[in-house]
C-alpha atoms as a PDB file:
ATOM      1  CA  MET A   1      59.168  13.096 -36.080  1.00  0.00           C
ATOM      2  CA  ASN A   2      56.977  14.763 -33.483  1.00  0.00           C
ATOM      3  CA  SER A   3      53.715  13.325 -34.661  1.00  0.00           C
ATOM      4  CA  ARG A   4      55.318  10.161 -34.768  1.00  0.00           C
ATOM      5  CA  ARG A   5      56.823  10.615 -31.080  1.00  0.00           C
ATOM      6  CA  ASP A   6      53.179  11.812 -30.209  1.00  0.00           C
ATOM      7  CA  ASN A   7      51.460   8.617 -31.646  1.00  0.00           C
ATOM      8  CA  LEU A   8      53.935   6.317 -29.609  1.00  0.00           C
ATOM      9  CA  TRP A   9      53.122   8.523 -26.428  1.00  0.00           C
ATOM     10  CA  VAL A  10      49.471   7.951 -26.992  1.00  0.00           C
ATOM     11  CA  ILE A  11      49.675   4.262 -27.844  1.00  0.00           C
ATOM     12  CA  GLY A  12      51.694   3.704 -24.677  1.00  0.00           C
ATOM     13  CA  LEU A  13      48.857   5.598 -22.247  1.00  0.00           C
ATOM     14  CA  LEU A  14      46.207   3.539 -24.135  1.00  0.00           C
ATOM     15  CA  GLY A  15      48.052   0.472 -23.254  1.00  0.00           C
ATOM     16  CA  VAL A  16      48.461   1.383 -19.469  1.00  0.00           C
ATOM     17  CA  THR A  17      44.669   2.662 -19.132  1.00  0.00           C
ATOM     18  CA  MET A  18      43.399  -0.888 -20.740  1.00  0.00           C
ATOM     19  CA  CYS A  19      45.902  -2.932 -18.719  1.00  0.00           C
ATOM     20  CA  ILE A  20      44.507  -1.270 -15.360  1.00  0.00           C
ATOM     21  CA  GLY A  21      40.851  -1.793 -16.391  1.00  0.00           C
ATOM     22  CA  LEU A  22      41.366  -5.505 -17.317  1.00  0.00           C
ATOM     23  CA  SER A  23      43.992  -6.220 -14.064  1.00  0.00           C
ATOM     24  CA  PHE A  24      41.726  -4.382 -11.789  1.00  0.00           C
ATOM     25  CA  GLY A  25      38.883  -7.017 -12.966  1.00  0.00           C
ATOM     26  CA  VAL A  26      40.076  -9.305 -10.211  1.00  0.00           C
ATOM     27  CA  SER A  27      37.731 -11.441  -7.990  1.00  0.00           C
ATOM     28  CA  ASP A  28      36.426 -10.037  -4.818  1.00  0.00           C
ATOM     29  CA  VAL A  29      38.056 -12.670  -2.910  1.00  0.00           C
ATOM     30  CA  VAL A  30      41.242 -11.536  -4.253  1.00  0.00           C
ATOM     31  CA  ALA A  31      40.786  -8.184  -3.564  1.00  0.00           C
ATOM     32  CA  GLN A  32      40.001  -8.955   0.299  1.00  0.00           C
ATOM     33  CA  ASP A  33      42.984 -10.638   0.868  1.00  0.00           C
ATOM     34  CA  TRP A  34      44.867  -6.868   0.116  1.00  0.00           C
ATOM     35  CA  LEU A  35      42.905  -5.142   2.940  1.00  0.00           C
ATOM     36  CA  ARG A  36      44.248  -4.462   6.203  1.00  0.00           C
ATOM     37  CA  PRO A  37      42.137  -5.661   9.653  1.00  0.00           C
ATOM     38  CA  GLY A  38      39.755  -2.657   9.978  1.00  0.00           C
ATOM     39  CA  GLU A  39      38.753  -2.233   6.372  1.00  0.00           C
ATOM     40  CA  ARG A  40      36.405  -3.472   4.569  1.00  0.00           C
ATOM     41  CA  TRP A  41      34.647  -3.556   1.244  1.00  0.00           C
ATOM     42  CA  SER A  42      31.312  -1.721   0.006  1.00  0.00           C
ATOM     43  CA  SER A  43      29.137  -2.150  -3.085  1.00  0.00           C
ATOM     44  CA  ARG A  44      30.735   1.259  -4.383  1.00  0.00           C
ATOM     45  CA  GLY A  45      34.438   0.916  -3.054  1.00  0.00           C
ATOM     46  CA  PHE A  46      36.303   0.378   0.140  1.00  0.00           C
ATOM     47  CA  ILE A  47      35.205   2.237   3.275  1.00  0.00           C
ATOM     48  CA  LEU A  48      37.303   2.604   5.933  1.00  0.00           C
ATOM     49  CA  ARG A  49      35.578   1.250   9.211  1.00  0.00           C
ATOM     50  CA  GLY A  50      34.222   4.034  11.597  1.00  0.00           C
ATOM     51  CA  GLN A  51      34.174   6.304   8.443  1.00  0.00           C
ATOM     52  CA  GLU A  52      31.114   7.662   7.948  1.00  0.00           C
ATOM     53  CA  PRO A  53      29.814   8.925   4.053  1.00  0.00           C
ATOM     54  CA  GLU A  54      30.498  12.633   3.627  1.00  0.00           C
ATOM     55  CA  PHE A  55      26.958  13.314   2.754  1.00  0.00           C
ATOM     56  CA  GLY A  56      25.217  10.999   5.315  1.00  0.00           C
ATOM     57  CA  GLU A  57      22.685   8.134   4.897  1.00  0.00           C
ATOM     58  CA  GLY A  58      19.551   9.237   2.783  1.00  0.00           C
ATOM     59  CA  ASN A  59      20.306  12.547   1.579  1.00  0.00           C
ATOM     60  CA  GLN A  60      18.181  13.380  -1.486  1.00  0.00           C
ATOM     61  CA  PHE A  61      21.216  14.185  -3.505  1.00  0.00           C
ATOM     62  CA  GLU A  62      22.978  10.876  -2.806  1.00  0.00           C
ATOM     63  CA  ASN A  63      21.249   9.175  -6.213  1.00  0.00           C
ATOM     64  CA  HIS A  64      21.595  12.334  -8.231  1.00  0.00           C
ATOM     65  CA  LEU A  65      21.903  12.334 -12.138  1.00  0.00           C
ATOM     66  CA  GLU A  66      25.015  11.721 -13.593  1.00  0.00           C
ATOM     67  CA  THR A  67      25.374  13.219 -17.519  1.00  0.00           C
ATOM     68  CA  ASP A  68      27.971  11.775 -20.093  1.00  0.00           C
ATOM     69  CA  ARG A  69      28.427  15.880 -21.312  1.00  0.00           C
ATOM     70  CA  ASP A  70      29.931  16.715 -17.902  1.00  0.00           C
ATOM     71  CA  SER A  71      33.684  15.863 -19.066  1.00  0.00           C
ATOM     72  CA  PHE A  72      35.011  14.169 -21.965  1.00  0.00           C
ATOM     73  CA  THR A  73      34.932  11.153 -20.370  1.00  0.00           C
ATOM     74  CA  PRO A  74      31.310   9.941 -20.231  1.00  0.00           C
ATOM     75  CA  SER A  75      29.750   8.405 -17.196  1.00  0.00           C
ATOM     76  CA  THR A  76      29.982   4.817 -15.886  1.00  0.00           C
ATOM     77  CA  ARG A  77      26.287   4.432 -15.550  1.00  0.00           C
ATOM     78  CA  THR A  78      23.259   4.167 -17.547  1.00  0.00           C
ATOM     79  CA  VAL A  79      19.916   5.930 -16.755  1.00  0.00           C
ATOM     80  CA  GLU A  80      17.615   3.960 -14.798  1.00  0.00           C
ATOM     81  CA  SER A  81      14.798   2.230 -16.159  1.00  0.00           C
ATOM     82  CA  GLY A  82      11.812   3.986 -17.450  1.00  0.00           C
ATOM     83  CA  TRP A  83      13.777   7.573 -16.771  1.00  0.00           C
ATOM     84  CA  TRP A  84      14.689  10.189 -19.480  1.00  0.00           C
ATOM     85  CA  ILE A  85      18.427  12.352 -19.172  1.00  0.00           C
ATOM     86  CA  VAL A  86      18.394  15.241 -21.905  1.00  0.00           C
ATOM     87  CA  GLU A  87      21.358  16.765 -22.068  1.00  0.00           C
ATOM     88  CA  SER A  88      22.751  20.113 -24.143  1.00  0.00           C
ATOM     89  CA  SER A  89      25.879  22.401 -24.219  1.00  0.00           C
ATOM     90  CA  TYR A  90      27.595  24.659 -26.100  1.00  0.00           C
ATOM     91  CA  SER A  91      31.566  24.487 -27.486  1.00  0.00           C
ATOM     92  CA  PHE A  92      33.656  27.109 -28.406  1.00  0.00           C
ATOM     93  CA  ILE A  93      36.734  26.367 -29.920  1.00  0.00           C
ATOM     94  CA  ASP A  94      39.711  28.570 -30.758  1.00  0.00           C
ATOM     95  CA  ASN A  95      41.626  26.856 -33.362  1.00  0.00           C
ATOM     96  CA  ARG A  96      45.380  27.435 -33.750  1.00  0.00           C
ATOM     97  CA  ASP A  97      45.531  27.409 -37.613  1.00  0.00           C
ATOM     98  CA  ALA A  98      41.981  27.615 -38.287  1.00  0.00           C
ATOM     99  CA  ALA A  99      38.567  29.669 -37.970  1.00  0.00           C
ATOM    100  CA  GLU A 100      37.343  29.340 -34.525  1.00  0.00           C
ATOM    101  CA  THR A 101      34.035  26.558 -34.081  1.00  0.00           C
ATOM    102  CA  HIS A 102      30.956  27.015 -32.620  1.00  0.00           C
ATOM    103  CA  SER A 103      29.332  23.575 -31.611  1.00  0.00           C
ATOM    104  CA  PHE A 104      25.675  23.513 -30.684  1.00  0.00           C
ATOM    105  CA  PRO A 105      23.348  22.110 -28.955  1.00  0.00           C
ATOM    106  CA  GLU A 106      24.992  18.969 -28.571  1.00  0.00           C
ATOM    107  CA  LEU A 107      21.535  17.502 -27.410  1.00  0.00           C
ATOM    108  CA  LEU A 108      21.895  14.354 -26.156  1.00  0.00           C
ATOM    109  CA  ALA A 109      18.822  11.887 -25.112  1.00  0.00           C
ATOM    110  CA  ARG A 110      19.119   9.130 -22.862  1.00  0.00           C
ATOM    111  CA  PHE A 111      16.318   6.571 -22.135  1.00  0.00           C
ATOM    112  CA  GLY A 112      16.623   3.597 -19.508  1.00  0.00           C
ATOM    113  CA  LEU A 113      15.213   0.930 -21.502  1.00  0.00           C
ATOM    114  CA  THR A 114      16.127  -1.967 -18.982  1.00  0.00           C
ATOM    115  CA  GLU A 115      18.558  -1.641 -15.649  1.00  0.00           C
ATOM    116  CA  ARG A 116      21.455  -1.819 -17.915  1.00  0.00           C
ATOM    117  CA  ILE A 117      20.675  -0.911 -21.201  1.00  0.00           C
ATOM    118  CA  GLU A 118      19.825   2.770 -22.546  1.00  0.00           C
ATOM    119  CA  LEU A 119      19.092   4.218 -25.885  1.00  0.00           C
ATOM    120  CA  ARG A 120      20.900   7.277 -27.298  1.00  0.00           C
ATOM    121  CA  LEU A 121      19.409   9.635 -29.607  1.00  0.00           C
ATOM    122  CA  GLY A 122      20.868  13.351 -30.374  1.00  0.00           C
ATOM    123  CA  GLY A 123      22.202  15.881 -33.233  1.00  0.00           C
ATOM    124  CA  ASN A 124      24.538  18.872 -33.292  1.00  0.00           C
ATOM    125  CA  TYR A 125      25.344  21.648 -35.237  1.00  0.00           C
ATOM    126  CA  GLU A 126      28.883  22.983 -35.949  1.00  0.00           C
ATOM    127  CA  ALA A 127      30.165  25.942 -37.653  1.00  0.00           C
ATOM    128  CA  GLY A 128      33.871  26.822 -37.979  1.00  0.00           C
ATOM    129  CA  GLY A 129      37.492  25.775 -39.414  1.00  0.00           C
ATOM    130  CA  GLU A 130      37.685  22.393 -38.063  1.00  0.00           C
ATOM    131  CA  GLY A 131      35.470  19.789 -36.293  1.00  0.00           C
ATOM    132  CA  SER A 132      34.994  19.554 -32.836  1.00  0.00           C
ATOM    133  CA  ASP A 133      36.572  17.064 -30.733  1.00  0.00           C
ATOM    134  CA  VAL A 134      36.601  18.337 -27.508  1.00  0.00           C
ATOM    135  CA  SER A 135      32.667  16.889 -26.602  1.00  0.00           C
ATOM    136  CA  GLY A 136      32.426  13.135 -26.014  1.00  0.00           C
ATOM    137  CA  GLY A 137      29.399  13.105 -28.030  1.00  0.00           C
ATOM    138  CA  SER A 138      30.356  14.980 -31.093  1.00  0.00           C
ATOM    139  CA  GLY A 139      31.302  13.378 -34.517  1.00  0.00           C
ATOM    140  CA  ALA A 140      34.918  13.063 -36.252  1.00  0.00           C
ATOM    141  CA  GLU A 141      37.755  15.619 -35.888  1.00  0.00           C
ATOM    142  CA  GLY A 142      38.729  18.170 -38.739  1.00  0.00           C
ATOM    143  CA  PHE A 143      36.293  18.753 -41.492  1.00  0.00           C
ATOM    144  CA  GLY A 144      37.220  22.313 -43.217  1.00  0.00           C
ATOM    145  CA  GLU A 145      40.945  21.883 -43.451  1.00  0.00           C
ATOM    146  CA  GLY A 146      41.113  25.518 -42.396  1.00  0.00           C
ATOM    147  CA  LYS A 147      37.889  26.902 -44.237  1.00  0.00           C
ATOM    148  CA  LEU A 148      34.695  27.800 -42.760  1.00  0.00           C
ATOM    149  CA  VAL A 149      32.523  24.940 -42.978  1.00  0.00           C
ATOM    150  CA  TYR A 150      28.857  24.243 -41.652  1.00  0.00           C
ATOM    151  CA  GLU A 151      27.881  20.644 -40.554  1.00  0.00           C
ATOM    152  CA  SER A 152      25.169  19.193 -38.780  1.00  0.00           C
ATOM    153  CA  GLN A 153      24.420  15.174 -37.772  1.00  0.00           C
ATOM    154  CA  LEU A 154      22.452  12.919 -36.092  1.00  0.00           C
ATOM    155  CA  LEU A 155      23.471  10.571 -33.109  1.00  0.00           C
ATOM    156  CA  TYR A 156      22.025   7.432 -32.203  1.00  0.00           C
ATOM    157  CA  GLY A 157      23.255   4.217 -30.241  1.00  0.00           C
ATOM    158  CA  LEU A 158      22.685   2.693 -26.994  1.00  0.00           C
ATOM    159  CA  LYS A 159      24.975   2.199 -23.810  1.00  0.00           C
ATOM    160  CA  ALA A 160      25.113  -1.114 -21.867  1.00  0.00           C
ATOM    161  CA  ARG A 161      26.303  -1.233 -18.114  1.00  0.00           C
ATOM    162  CA  LEU A 162      28.956  -4.202 -17.957  1.00  0.00           C
ATOM    163  CA  SER A 163      29.785  -4.606 -14.481  1.00  0.00           C
ATOM    164  CA  ASP A 164      29.445  -2.635 -11.074  1.00  0.00           C
ATOM    165  CA  GLN A 165      31.882  -1.858  -8.683  1.00  0.00           C
ATOM    166  CA  ASP A 166      32.912  -4.949  -6.222  1.00  0.00           C
ATOM    167  CA  GLY A 167      36.295  -4.491  -4.853  1.00  0.00           C
ATOM    168  CA  TRP A 168      38.820  -3.367  -7.380  1.00  0.00           C
ATOM    169  CA  ARG A 169      36.549  -4.597 -10.304  1.00  0.00           C
ATOM    170  CA  PRO A 170      35.360  -1.197 -11.578  1.00  0.00           C
ATOM    171  CA  GLU A 171      32.143  -0.178 -12.748  1.00  0.00           C
ATOM    172  CA  SER A 172      32.268  -0.094 -16.679  1.00  0.00           C
ATOM    173  CA  SER A 173      29.966   0.634 -19.582  1.00  0.00           C
ATOM    174  CA  LEU A 174      30.237   0.047 -23.262  1.00  0.00           C
ATOM    175  CA  ILE A 175      28.874   2.701 -25.835  1.00  0.00           C
ATOM    176  CA  LEU A 176      27.832   1.839 -29.591  1.00  0.00           C
ATOM    177  CA  GLN A 177      27.344   5.166 -31.484  1.00  0.00           C
ATOM    178  CA  GLY A 178      26.402   6.248 -35.241  1.00  0.00           C
ATOM    179  CA  HIS A 179      26.931   9.633 -36.896  1.00  0.00           C
ATOM    180  CA  THR A 180      25.146  10.662 -39.665  1.00  0.00           C
ATOM    181  CA  PRO A 181      25.372  13.643 -41.161  1.00  0.00           C
ATOM    182  CA  THR A 182      22.394  15.480 -42.012  1.00  0.00           C
ATOM    183  CA  SER A 183      24.087  18.586 -43.979  1.00  0.00           C
ATOM    184  CA  GLY A 184      27.993  19.452 -44.837  1.00  0.00           C
ATOM    185  CA  PRO A 185      30.364  18.574 -46.681  1.00  0.00           C
ATOM    186  CA  ASN A 186      30.985  15.105 -45.622  1.00  0.00           C
ATOM    187  CA  PRO A 187      27.828  12.854 -45.912  1.00  0.00           C
ATOM    188  CA  ALA A 188      29.468   9.597 -44.856  1.00  0.00           C
ATOM    189  CA  THR A 189      28.518   8.105 -41.467  1.00  0.00           C
ATOM    190  CA  ALA A 190      30.737   7.314 -38.821  1.00  0.00           C
ATOM    191  CA  PHE A 191      30.229   4.289 -35.962  1.00  0.00           C
ATOM    192  CA  THR A 192      31.978   4.553 -32.892  1.00  0.00           C
ATOM    193  CA  ALA A 193      32.752   2.300 -30.096  1.00  0.00           C
ATOM    194  CA  GLY A 194      33.809   3.050 -26.193  1.00  0.00           C
ATOM    195  CA  TYR A 195      34.587   1.335 -22.896  1.00  0.00           C
ATOM    196  CA  VAL A 196      34.392   3.459 -19.914  1.00  0.00           C
ATOM    197  CA  PHE A 197      35.285   2.235 -16.344  1.00  0.00           C
ATOM    198  CA  GLY A 198      36.116   3.681 -12.790  1.00  0.00           C
ATOM    199  CA  TRP A 199      36.078   3.555  -9.084  1.00  0.00           C
ATOM    200  CA  GLU A 200      34.754   5.307  -6.463  1.00  0.00           C
ATOM    201  CA  PHE A 201      36.770   6.329  -3.507  1.00  0.00           C
ATOM    202  CA  PRO A 202      36.564   7.343  -0.014  1.00  0.00           C
ATOM    203  CA  ASP A 203      35.811  11.270   0.729  1.00  0.00           C
ATOM    204  CA  GLU A 204      33.781  11.344  -2.107  1.00  0.00           C
ATOM    205  CA  TRP A 205      36.672  10.862  -4.909  1.00  0.00           C
ATOM    206  CA  LYS A 206      36.101   9.219  -8.592  1.00  0.00           C
ATOM    207  CA  LEU A 207      38.592   8.043 -11.020  1.00  0.00           C
ATOM    208  CA  ASP A 208      37.362   6.920 -14.862  1.00  0.00           C
ATOM    209  CA  SER A 209      38.945   6.288 -18.040  1.00  0.00           C
ATOM    210  CA  ALA A 210      38.043   5.742 -21.095  1.00  0.00           C
ATOM    211  CA  ILE A 211      38.760   4.726 -24.808  1.00  0.00           C
ATOM    212  CA  ARG A 212      36.899   5.416 -27.914  1.00  0.00           C
ATOM    213  CA  PHE A 213      37.490   3.667 -31.529  1.00  0.00           C
ATOM    214  CA  GLY A 214      36.098   5.074 -34.625  1.00  0.00           C
ATOM    215  CA  ALA A 215      35.810   4.435 -38.373  1.00  0.00           C
ATOM    216  CA  ASP A 216      35.298   7.369 -40.853  1.00  0.00           C
ATOM    217  CA  SER A 217      35.684   8.568 -44.100  1.00  0.00           C
ATOM    218  CA  GLU A 218      36.688  12.110 -45.266  1.00  0.00           C
ATOM    219  CA  ASP A 219      36.326  13.364 -48.567  1.00  0.00           C
ATOM    220  CA  GLY A 220      37.054   9.517 -49.472  1.00  0.00           C
ATOM    221  CA  ASP A 221      39.901   9.244 -47.561  1.00  0.00           C
ATOM    222  CA  ARG A 222      39.139   6.297 -45.073  1.00  0.00           C
ATOM    223  CA  PHE A 223      40.516   6.028 -41.565  1.00  0.00           C
ATOM    224  CA  GLU A 224      40.504   5.351 -38.099  1.00  0.00           C
ATOM    225  CA  ALA A 225      40.556   7.308 -34.834  1.00  0.00           C
ATOM    226  CA  TRP A 226      41.164   6.331 -31.189  1.00  0.00           C
ATOM    227  CA  ALA A 227      40.423   8.941 -28.107  1.00  0.00           C
ATOM    228  CA  PRO A 228      41.727   7.762 -24.666  1.00  0.00           C
ATOM    229  CA  SER A 229      40.467   9.693 -21.458  1.00  0.00           C
ATOM    230  CA  VAL A 230      41.196  10.070 -17.901  1.00  0.00           C
ATOM    231  CA  VAL A 231      39.394  11.925 -15.239  1.00  0.00           C
ATOM    232  CA  LEU A 232      39.612  12.329 -11.529  1.00  0.00           C
ATOM    233  CA  ARG A 233      36.558  13.770  -9.914  1.00  0.00           C
ATOM    234  CA  LYS A 234      35.941  15.245  -6.473  1.00  0.00           C
ATOM    235  CA  ALA A 235      32.391  16.001  -4.838  1.00  0.00           C
ATOM    236  CA  LEU A 236      33.068  19.681  -2.603  1.00  0.00           C
ATOM    237  CA  SER A 237      29.793  19.439  -1.294  1.00  0.00           C
ATOM    238  CA  GLU A 238      26.029  17.768  -1.788  1.00  0.00           C
ATOM    239  CA  ARG A 239      25.751  20.516  -4.792  1.00  0.00           C
ATOM    240  CA  TRP A 240      28.876  21.053  -6.019  1.00  0.00           C
ATOM    241  CA  ALA A 241      31.505  18.865  -7.836  1.00  0.00           C
ATOM    242  CA  ALA A 242      35.353  19.357  -9.633  1.00  0.00           C
ATOM    243  CA  HIS A 243      37.178  17.482 -11.888  1.00  0.00           C
ATOM    244  CA  ALA A 244      40.354  17.284 -13.732  1.00  0.00           C
ATOM    245  CA  GLU A 245      41.161  15.663 -16.810  1.00  0.00           C
ATOM    246  CA  TYR A 246      43.381  14.588 -19.704  1.00  0.00           C
ATOM    247  CA  PHE A 247      42.098  13.486 -23.477  1.00  0.00           C
ATOM    248  CA  GLY A 248      43.297  13.188 -26.689  1.00  0.00           C
ATOM    249  CA  SER A 249      42.488  11.800 -30.078  1.00  0.00           C
ATOM    250  CA  TYR A 250      44.556  10.511 -32.600  1.00  0.00           C
ATOM    251  CA  SER A 251      44.021   8.958 -36.508  1.00  0.00           C
ATOM    252  CA  GLN A 252      45.736   6.173 -38.124  1.00  0.00           C
ATOM    253  CA  ASN A 253      45.355   5.224 -41.847  1.00  0.00           C
ATOM    254  CA  LYS A 254      44.667   8.775 -42.651  1.00  0.00           C
ATOM    255  CA  GLU A 255      46.417  10.871 -45.708  1.00  0.00           C
ATOM    256  CA  HIS A 256      47.441  13.762 -43.092  1.00  0.00           C
ATOM    257  CA  ASN A 257      47.390  12.021 -39.829  1.00  0.00           C
ATOM    258  CA  PHE A 258      46.595  14.141 -36.474  1.00  0.00           C
ATOM    259  CA  VAL A 259      47.478  13.968 -32.993  1.00  0.00           C
ATOM    260  CA  HIS A 260      45.585  15.929 -29.900  1.00  0.00           C
ATOM    261  CA  HIS A 261      46.389  16.287 -26.538  1.00  0.00           C
ATOM    262  CA  TYR A 262      44.332  18.161 -24.062  1.00  0.00           C
ATOM    263  CA  PHE A 263      44.085  19.307 -20.290  1.00  0.00           C
ATOM    264  CA  SER A 264      40.725  20.385 -18.864  1.00  0.00           C
ATOM    265  CA  PRO A 265      39.444  21.265 -15.712  1.00  0.00           C
ATOM    266  CA  GLY A 266      35.917  21.892 -15.034  1.00  0.00           C
ATOM    267  CA  MET A 267      32.908  21.953 -12.396  1.00  0.00           C
ATOM    268  CA  HIS A 268      29.209  21.363 -11.982  1.00  0.00           C
ATOM    269  CA  TYR A 269      26.402  22.394  -9.708  1.00  0.00           C
ATOM    270  CA  LEU A 270      23.440  20.290  -8.931  1.00  0.00           C
ATOM    271  CA  ILE A 271      20.335  22.678  -9.015  1.00  0.00           C
ATOM    272  CA  THR A 272      17.950  19.958  -7.767  1.00  0.00           C
ATOM    273  CA  PRO A 273      19.149  16.153  -7.774  1.00  0.00           C
ATOM    274  CA  ASN A 274      17.283  16.015 -11.411  1.00  0.00           C
ATOM    275  CA  VAL A 275      18.821  19.025 -12.862  1.00  0.00           C
ATOM    276  CA  GLU A 276      22.359  19.946 -13.127  1.00  0.00           C
ATOM    277  CA  ILE A 277      24.661  22.857 -14.952  1.00  0.00           C
ATOM    278  CA  GLY A 278      28.135  22.612 -15.463  1.00  0.00           C
ATOM    279  CA  ALA A 279      31.269  24.148 -17.357  1.00  0.00           C
ATOM    280  CA  ARG A 280      34.873  23.264 -18.104  1.00  0.00           C
ATOM    281  CA  VAL A 281      37.733  24.667 -20.015  1.00  0.00           C
ATOM    282  CA  GLY A 282      40.627  23.307 -21.923  1.00  0.00           C
ATOM    283  CA  TRP A 283      43.844  23.766 -23.359  1.00  0.00           C
ATOM    284  CA  GLY A 284      45.902  22.079 -26.164  1.00  0.00           C
ATOM    285  CA  LEU A 285      48.923  20.569 -25.383  1.00  0.00           C
ATOM    286  CA  ASN A 286      50.567  20.418 -28.830  1.00  0.00           C
ATOM    287  CA  ASP A 287      51.011  22.148 -32.208  1.00  0.00           C
ATOM    288  CA  GLN A 288      48.037  20.388 -33.994  1.00  0.00           C
ATOM    289  CA  THR A 289      45.562  20.776 -31.236  1.00  0.00           C
ATOM    290  CA  ALA A 290      43.427  24.229 -30.295  1.00  0.00           C
ATOM    291  CA  ARG A 291      44.618  26.854 -28.281  1.00  0.00           C
ATOM    292  CA  PHE A 292      41.856  26.727 -26.046  1.00  0.00           C
ATOM    293  CA  PHE A 293      38.058  25.476 -25.451  1.00  0.00           C
ATOM    294  CA  SER A 294      35.423  26.208 -23.422  1.00  0.00           C
ATOM    295  CA  ASN A 295      32.097  24.394 -22.995  1.00  0.00           C
ATOM    296  CA  ALA A 296      29.064  24.807 -20.778  1.00  0.00           C
ATOM    297  CA  GLY A 297      25.803  23.025 -20.731  1.00  0.00           C
ATOM    298  CA  LEU A 298      23.088  21.111 -18.584  1.00  0.00           C
ATOM    299  CA  GLY A 299      21.385  17.753 -18.128  1.00  0.00           C
ATOM    300  CA  TRP A 300      17.966  17.336 -16.716  1.00  0.00           C
ATOM    301  CA  GLN A 301      16.404  13.691 -15.691  1.00  0.00           C
ATOM    302  CA  PHE A 302      12.885  13.041 -15.486  1.00  0.00           C
END
């Protein structure tokens, strides 16, 4: 009964999230009618007239890199054409009813093929009682059924920027990825599709949301999985930023369905405009979810 209630709760959140993304995809003409005199729209959101950007024009950190590993919700942006972003991180997961999980290096190399399309290639290794579902680029959940299992996988795909922010129309991107195990008990390749959208607001606030869908197989048990998320980000200075995030995952048509809910705060620091380090922690909000996780990593743009 609790599992069914959790499913309904996540489905409701998913519906609200998608409705927000679609309903705010209105034309700029309509959005302009909502503004009071004295306000105007910029390409990155609305700016009150007379309010200057927090970090000023021409600041070297204004166009800093944005990694996908900084939170479970990926960035809405793609890598600039001809540039690389390489990301890596380590996750520790304190599973509730199984051995703890270690996930490393969660490597992701992103290359800007055009101004709106990036290619993605990566890999990861996991050891523990359950699969890692706290990193946005990780594969399917739950591969060990409480036993200590080792698994590695190859990730490949692309990310396409669909829209830029214009008034209430969000900046958005589509991510298509495949996950092929290179070792471990489950040889089946999994495919995921994700849609991420978001808005920038005055005073360096940013709200992003995403929904992922994947098809996978575990010991011949084929199933689908959904993963909604929403994150509120705030730049604290030109180098420091913080965020608070909800994310979850749940399965359909699996022999034993799972429902996971997490709350996760985090921070990141820009060593230079092209080098970022960051850490986040999280707590499971229901009995099927890991008690606690921590994640730390870095990103490099060149």
